[in-house]
Amino acid sequence: MTNNQIMFVLFSAMIVVFSILTVTSRKILRSAVYLLFVLVSTSGLYFMLNYQFIAAVQLTLYAGGIVVLIIFSILLTSHIDHKFEPVGWKKSLFSALAALSGAIISIITILDFRFSATRQAAKEVDMKLIGKSLLSTGNDGFVLPFEVISILLIAAMVAAIVIAKKGGPIKPESQISNQQ
């Protein structure tokens, strides 16, 4: 096995394991940290594919932005010890069926696609071209995607606060017994 294959297996295993931990953990802060590991591992795969720009966006936007906002929101609303209730067997069964059917569809689609090698040389990265593209609204411009990303960050912050604030403030048992 080559080093690239070992790193691919390592990143893939980390993505699968931490994805499962993200959705099965009952503690909200742990789920957010597991999601951070998934996103960092995904950026590692992008670096292996020599997609440095996408990997950098993955690290800065998703791992650095959304997850930090989620964790900050959880800590801000002081529900760090919040535990979700256990999921019933019906929800677990239907979730497993949905995940399994999605995996089967993805695998069939990938196996049916004919991948072909290209003989074209890799294009040179020109920083002026990247800078103009980032500020352009034209055909290859990235202004609109960046605006969409800013809305995504705001939505993630609001969603994290709503999830963290769900159920209202929790009173300690000593205050409840004193009120009775």
C-alpha atoms as a PDB file:
ATOM      1  CA  MET A   1       0.000   0.000   0.000  1.00  0.00           C
ATOM      2  CA  THR A   2       1.320   3.428  -0.900  1.00  0.00           C
ATOM      3  CA  ASN A   3       1.285   6.417   1.416  1.00  0.00           C
ATOM      4  CA  ASN A   4      -1.579   7.995  -0.551  1.00  0.00           C
ATOM      5  CA  GLN A   5      -3.689   4.881  -0.173  1.00  0.00           C
ATOM      6  CA  ILE A   6      -2.971   4.723   3.555  1.00  0.00           C
ATOM      7  CA  MET A   7      -3.944   8.392   3.980  1.00  0.00           C
ATOM      8  CA  PHE A   8      -7.108   7.867   1.919  1.00  0.00           C
ATOM      9  CA  VAL A   9      -8.142   4.907   4.082  1.00  0.00           C
ATOM     10  CA  LEU A  10      -7.335   6.883   7.237  1.00  0.00           C
ATOM     11  CA  PHE A  11      -9.338   9.960   6.158  1.00  0.00           C
ATOM     12  CA  SER A  12     -12.232   7.812   4.937  1.00  0.00           C
ATOM     13  CA  ALA A  13     -12.356   5.850   8.175  1.00  0.00           C
ATOM     14  CA  MET A  14     -12.271   9.075  10.193  1.00  0.00           C
ATOM     15  CA  ILE A  15     -15.128  10.519   8.130  1.00  0.00           C
ATOM     16  CA  VAL A  16     -17.282   7.406   8.568  1.00  0.00           C
ATOM     17  CA  VAL A  17     -16.583   6.949  12.291  1.00  0.00           C
ATOM     18  CA  PHE A  18     -16.977  10.597  13.269  1.00  0.00           C
ATOM     19  CA  SER A  19     -20.086  10.983  11.074  1.00  0.00           C
ATOM     20  CA  ILE A  20     -21.721   8.132  12.939  1.00  0.00           C
ATOM     21  CA  LEU A  21     -20.607   9.599  16.265  1.00  0.00           C
ATOM     22  CA  THR A  22     -21.970  13.022  15.236  1.00  0.00           C
ATOM     23  CA  VAL A  23     -25.491  11.752  14.698  1.00  0.00           C
ATOM     24  CA  THR A  24     -25.557   9.198  17.519  1.00  0.00           C
ATOM     25  CA  SER A  25     -24.041  11.243  20.335  1.00  0.00           C
ATOM     26  CA  ARG A  26     -26.581  12.446  22.868  1.00  0.00           C
ATOM     27  CA  LYS A  27     -24.419  15.365  24.041  1.00  0.00           C
ATOM     28  CA  ILE A  28     -24.692  18.393  21.786  1.00  0.00           C
ATOM     29  CA  LEU A  29     -21.162  19.720  22.342  1.00  0.00           C
ATOM     30  CA  ARG A  30     -19.605  16.337  21.559  1.00  0.00           C
ATOM     31  CA  SER A  31     -21.660  16.157  18.360  1.00  0.00           C
ATOM     32  CA  ALA A  32     -20.305  19.543  17.289  1.00  0.00           C
ATOM     33  CA  VAL A  33     -16.718  18.451  17.969  1.00  0.00           C
ATOM     34  CA  TYR A  34     -17.254  15.197  16.045  1.00  0.00           C
ATOM     35  CA  LEU A  35     -18.621  17.266  13.145  1.00  0.00           C
ATOM     36  CA  LEU A  36     -15.431  19.331  13.257  1.00  0.00           C
ATOM     37  CA  PHE A  37     -13.353  16.147  12.840  1.00  0.00           C
ATOM     38  CA  VAL A  38     -15.513  15.097   9.861  1.00  0.00           C
ATOM     39  CA  LEU A  39     -15.025  18.442   8.136  1.00  0.00           C
ATOM     40  CA  VAL A  40     -11.272  18.511   8.753  1.00  0.00           C
ATOM     41  CA  SER A  41     -10.952  14.962   7.382  1.00  0.00           C
ATOM     42  CA  THR A  42     -12.929  15.980   4.302  1.00  0.00           C
ATOM     43  CA  SER A  43     -10.518  18.840   3.702  1.00  0.00           C
ATOM     44  CA  GLY A  44      -7.676  16.319   4.003  1.00  0.00           C
ATOM     45  CA  LEU A  45      -9.215  14.378   1.112  1.00  0.00           C
ATOM     46  CA  TYR A  46      -9.401  17.592  -0.920  1.00  0.00           C
ATOM     47  CA  PHE A  47      -5.715  18.252  -0.242  1.00  0.00           C
ATOM     48  CA  MET A  48      -4.899  14.735  -1.430  1.00  0.00           C
ATOM     49  CA  LEU A  49      -6.751  15.446  -4.687  1.00  0.00           C
ATOM     50  CA  ASN A  50      -4.711  18.665  -5.150  1.00  0.00           C
ATOM     51  CA  TYR A  51      -7.796  20.843  -4.755  1.00  0.00           C
ATOM     52  CA  GLN A  52      -6.071  23.271  -2.429  1.00  0.00           C
ATOM     53  CA  PHE A  53      -8.603  26.071  -2.872  1.00  0.00           C
ATOM     54  CA  ILE A  54     -11.583  23.848  -2.055  1.00  0.00           C
ATOM     55  CA  ALA A  55      -9.675  22.360   0.885  1.00  0.00           C
ATOM     56  CA  ALA A  56      -8.885  25.837   2.199  1.00  0.00           C
ATOM     57  CA  VAL A  57     -12.521  26.875   1.827  1.00  0.00           C
ATOM     58  CA  GLN A  58     -13.575  23.673   3.603  1.00  0.00           C
ATOM     59  CA  LEU A  59     -11.250  24.423   6.511  1.00  0.00           C
ATOM     60  CA  THR A  60     -11.976  28.125   6.831  1.00  0.00           C
ATOM     61  CA  LEU A  61     -15.676  28.167   6.087  1.00  0.00           C
ATOM     62  CA  TYR A  62     -17.065  24.936   7.437  1.00  0.00           C
ATOM     63  CA  ALA A  63     -14.553  23.751  10.017  1.00  0.00           C
ATOM     64  CA  GLY A  64     -13.463  27.225  11.045  1.00  0.00           C
ATOM     65  CA  GLY A  65     -16.729  29.057  10.639  1.00  0.00           C
ATOM     66  CA  ILE A  66     -19.848  27.015  11.066  1.00  0.00           C
ATOM     67  CA  VAL A  67     -18.571  24.606  13.714  1.00  0.00           C
ATOM     68  CA  VAL A  68     -17.025  27.417  15.736  1.00  0.00           C
ATOM     69  CA  LEU A  69     -20.319  29.299  15.533  1.00  0.00           C
ATOM     70  CA  ILE A  70     -22.207  26.206  16.655  1.00  0.00           C
ATOM     71  CA  ILE A  71     -19.850  25.586  19.575  1.00  0.00           C
ATOM     72  CA  PHE A  72     -19.890  29.292  20.490  1.00  0.00           C
ATOM     73  CA  SER A  73     -23.697  29.277  20.424  1.00  0.00           C
ATOM     74  CA  ILE A  74     -23.842  26.202  22.640  1.00  0.00           C
ATOM     75  CA  LEU A  75     -21.441  27.739  25.135  1.00  0.00           C
ATOM     76  CA  LEU A  76     -23.237  31.100  24.905  1.00  0.00           C
ATOM     77  CA  THR A  77     -26.588  29.583  25.804  1.00  0.00           C
ATOM     78  CA  SER A  78     -25.003  27.547  28.635  1.00  0.00           C
ATOM     79  CA  HIS A  79     -26.493  24.184  27.694  1.00  0.00           C
ATOM     80  CA  ILE A  80     -23.144  22.454  27.594  1.00  0.00           C
ATOM     81  CA  ASP A  81     -24.390  19.448  29.585  1.00  0.00           C
ATOM     82  CA  HIS A  82     -27.626  19.105  27.598  1.00  0.00           C
ATOM     83  CA  LYS A  83     -28.402  15.502  26.678  1.00  0.00           C
ATOM     84  CA  PHE A  84     -30.887  14.570  23.985  1.00  0.00           C
ATOM     85  CA  GLU A  85     -33.475  11.945  24.850  1.00  0.00           C
ATOM     86  CA  PRO A  86     -32.837   8.427  23.531  1.00  0.00           C
ATOM     87  CA  VAL A  87     -34.198   7.746  20.078  1.00  0.00           C
ATOM     88  CA  GLY A  88     -36.963   5.158  19.773  1.00  0.00           C
ATOM     89  CA  TRP A  89     -36.502   1.958  17.808  1.00  0.00           C
ATOM     90  CA  LYS A  90     -38.872   3.097  15.036  1.00  0.00           C
ATOM     91  CA  LYS A  91     -36.838   6.229  14.332  1.00  0.00           C
ATOM     92  CA  SER A  92     -33.626   4.215  14.465  1.00  0.00           C
ATOM     93  CA  LEU A  93     -35.005   1.642  12.020  1.00  0.00           C
ATOM     94  CA  PHE A  94     -36.242   4.219   9.507  1.00  0.00           C
ATOM     95  CA  SER A  95     -33.010   6.226   9.841  1.00  0.00           C
ATOM     96  CA  ALA A  96     -30.951   3.106   9.171  1.00  0.00           C
ATOM     97  CA  LEU A  97     -33.114   2.241   6.157  1.00  0.00           C
ATOM     98  CA  ALA A  98     -32.752   5.782   4.767  1.00  0.00           C
ATOM     99  CA  ALA A  99     -28.976   5.734   5.273  1.00  0.00           C
ATOM    100  CA  LEU A 100     -28.658   2.270   3.726  1.00  0.00           C
ATOM    101  CA  SER A 101     -30.754   3.200   0.687  1.00  0.00           C
ATOM    102  CA  GLY A 102     -28.741   6.404   0.215  1.00  0.00           C
ATOM    103  CA  ALA A 103     -25.495   4.440   0.416  1.00  0.00           C
ATOM    104  CA  ILE A 104     -26.756   1.858  -2.093  1.00  0.00           C
ATOM    105  CA  ILE A 105     -27.869   4.553  -4.553  1.00  0.00           C
ATOM    106  CA  SER A 106     -24.506   6.339  -4.206  1.00  0.00           C
ATOM    107  CA  ILE A 107     -22.510   3.136  -4.705  1.00  0.00           C
ATOM    108  CA  ILE A 108     -24.551   2.086  -7.751  1.00  0.00           C
ATOM    109  CA  THR A 109     -24.174   5.559  -9.276  1.00  0.00           C
ATOM    110  CA  ILE A 110     -20.410   5.583  -8.741  1.00  0.00           C
ATOM    111  CA  LEU A 111     -19.956   2.057 -10.120  1.00  0.00           C
ATOM    112  CA  ASP A 112     -22.049   2.821 -13.234  1.00  0.00           C
ATOM    113  CA  PHE A 113     -20.101   5.990 -14.094  1.00  0.00           C
ATOM    114  CA  ARG A 114     -17.284   5.546 -16.607  1.00  0.00           C
ATOM    115  CA  PHE A 115     -14.264   7.408 -15.311  1.00  0.00           C
ATOM    116  CA  SER A 116     -11.700   8.309 -17.948  1.00  0.00           C
ATOM    117  CA  ALA A 117      -8.196   9.639 -17.575  1.00  0.00           C
ATOM    118  CA  THR A 118      -7.281  12.914 -19.214  1.00  0.00           C
ATOM    119  CA  ARG A 119      -4.055  13.781 -20.927  1.00  0.00           C
ATOM    120  CA  GLN A 120      -4.401  17.508 -20.365  1.00  0.00           C
ATOM    121  CA  ALA A 121      -1.758  19.163 -18.257  1.00  0.00           C
ATOM    122  CA  ALA A 122      -2.810  20.775 -14.999  1.00  0.00           C
ATOM    123  CA  LYS A 123      -3.552  24.485 -15.304  1.00  0.00           C
ATOM    124  CA  GLU A 124      -1.250  26.936 -13.598  1.00  0.00           C
ATOM    125  CA  VAL A 125      -2.661  28.763 -10.609  1.00  0.00           C
ATOM    126  CA  ASP A 126      -2.556  32.508 -11.164  1.00  0.00           C
ATOM    127  CA  MET A 127      -3.290  34.566  -8.050  1.00  0.00           C
ATOM    128  CA  LYS A 128      -4.452  37.583 -10.077  1.00  0.00           C
ATOM    129  CA  LEU A 129      -6.979  35.377 -11.873  1.00  0.00           C
ATOM    130  CA  ILE A 130      -8.228  33.959  -8.556  1.00  0.00           C
ATOM    131  CA  GLY A 131      -8.502  37.466  -7.086  1.00  0.00           C
ATOM    132  CA  LYS A 132     -10.440  38.787 -10.085  1.00  0.00           C
ATOM    133  CA  SER A 133     -12.722  35.746  -9.989  1.00  0.00           C
ATOM    134  CA  LEU A 134     -13.427  36.267  -6.297  1.00  0.00           C
ATOM    135  CA  LEU A 135     -14.528  39.855  -6.906  1.00  0.00           C
ATOM    136  CA  SER A 136     -16.306  39.259 -10.213  1.00  0.00           C
ATOM    137  CA  THR A 137     -20.033  38.928 -10.782  1.00  0.00           C
ATOM    138  CA  GLY A 138     -19.513  37.626 -14.301  1.00  0.00           C
ATOM    139  CA  ASN A 139     -19.428  34.117 -15.695  1.00  0.00           C
ATOM    140  CA  ASP A 140     -16.641  32.775 -13.474  1.00  0.00           C
ATOM    141  CA  GLY A 141     -17.281  35.120 -10.548  1.00  0.00           C
ATOM    142  CA  PHE A 142     -17.595  34.101  -6.927  1.00  0.00           C
ATOM    143  CA  VAL A 143     -19.396  37.104  -5.388  1.00  0.00           C
ATOM    144  CA  LEU A 144     -22.782  35.365  -5.368  1.00  0.00           C
ATOM    145  CA  PRO A 145     -21.463  32.150  -3.756  1.00  0.00           C
ATOM    146  CA  PHE A 146     -19.770  34.199  -1.030  1.00  0.00           C
ATOM    147  CA  GLU A 147     -23.039  36.017  -0.335  1.00  0.00           C
ATOM    148  CA  VAL A 148     -24.831  32.668  -0.125  1.00  0.00           C
ATOM    149  CA  ILE A 149     -22.142  31.451   2.269  1.00  0.00           C
ATOM    150  CA  SER A 150     -22.690  34.479   4.520  1.00  0.00           C
ATOM    151  CA  ILE A 151     -26.407  33.647   4.668  1.00  0.00           C
ATOM    152  CA  LEU A 152     -25.464  30.038   5.452  1.00  0.00           C
ATOM    153  CA  LEU A 153     -23.299  31.206   8.370  1.00  0.00           C
ATOM    154  CA  ILE A 154     -26.111  33.329   9.762  1.00  0.00           C
ATOM    155  CA  ALA A 155     -28.560  30.432   9.397  1.00  0.00           C
ATOM    156  CA  ALA A 156     -26.125  28.104  11.178  1.00  0.00           C
ATOM    157  CA  MET A 157     -25.763  30.560  14.064  1.00  0.00           C
ATOM    158  CA  VAL A 158     -29.523  31.007  14.418  1.00  0.00           C
ATOM    159  CA  ALA A 159     -30.123  27.244  14.176  1.00  0.00           C
ATOM    160  CA  ALA A 160     -27.469  26.535  16.792  1.00  0.00           C
ATOM    161  CA  ILE A 161     -29.038  29.044  19.183  1.00  0.00           C
ATOM    162  CA  VAL A 162     -32.522  27.621  18.582  1.00  0.00           C
ATOM    163  CA  ILE A 163     -31.293  24.073  19.230  1.00  0.00           C
ATOM    164  CA  ALA A 164     -29.333  25.117  22.297  1.00  0.00           C
ATOM    165  CA  LYS A 165     -32.205  27.195  23.734  1.00  0.00           C
ATOM    166  CA  LYS A 166     -34.863  24.538  23.115  1.00  0.00           C
ATOM    167  CA  GLY A 167     -36.841  23.813  26.259  1.00  0.00           C
ATOM    168  CA  GLY A 168     -36.012  27.014  28.124  1.00  0.00           C
ATOM    169  CA  PRO A 169     -33.682  27.399  31.089  1.00  0.00           C
ATOM    170  CA  ILE A 170     -33.164  24.380  33.311  1.00  0.00           C
ATOM    171  CA  LYS A 171     -33.614  25.048  37.027  1.00  0.00           C
ATOM    172  CA  PRO A 172     -31.456  23.175  39.519  1.00  0.00           C
ATOM    173  CA  GLU A 173     -33.329  20.709  41.732  1.00  0.00           C
ATOM    174  CA  SER A 174     -32.553  22.796  44.830  1.00  0.00           C
ATOM    175  CA  GLN A 175     -34.552  25.739  43.415  1.00  0.00           C
ATOM    176  CA  ILE A 176     -37.467  23.472  42.503  1.00  0.00           C
ATOM    177  CA  SER A 177     -37.674  21.958  46.007  1.00  0.00           C
ATOM    178  CA  ASN A 178     -37.394  25.425  47.629  1.00  0.00           C
ATOM    179  CA  GLN A 179     -40.340  26.720  45.600  1.00  0.00           C
ATOM    180  CA  GLN A 180     -42.633  23.897  46.782  1.00  0.00           C
END
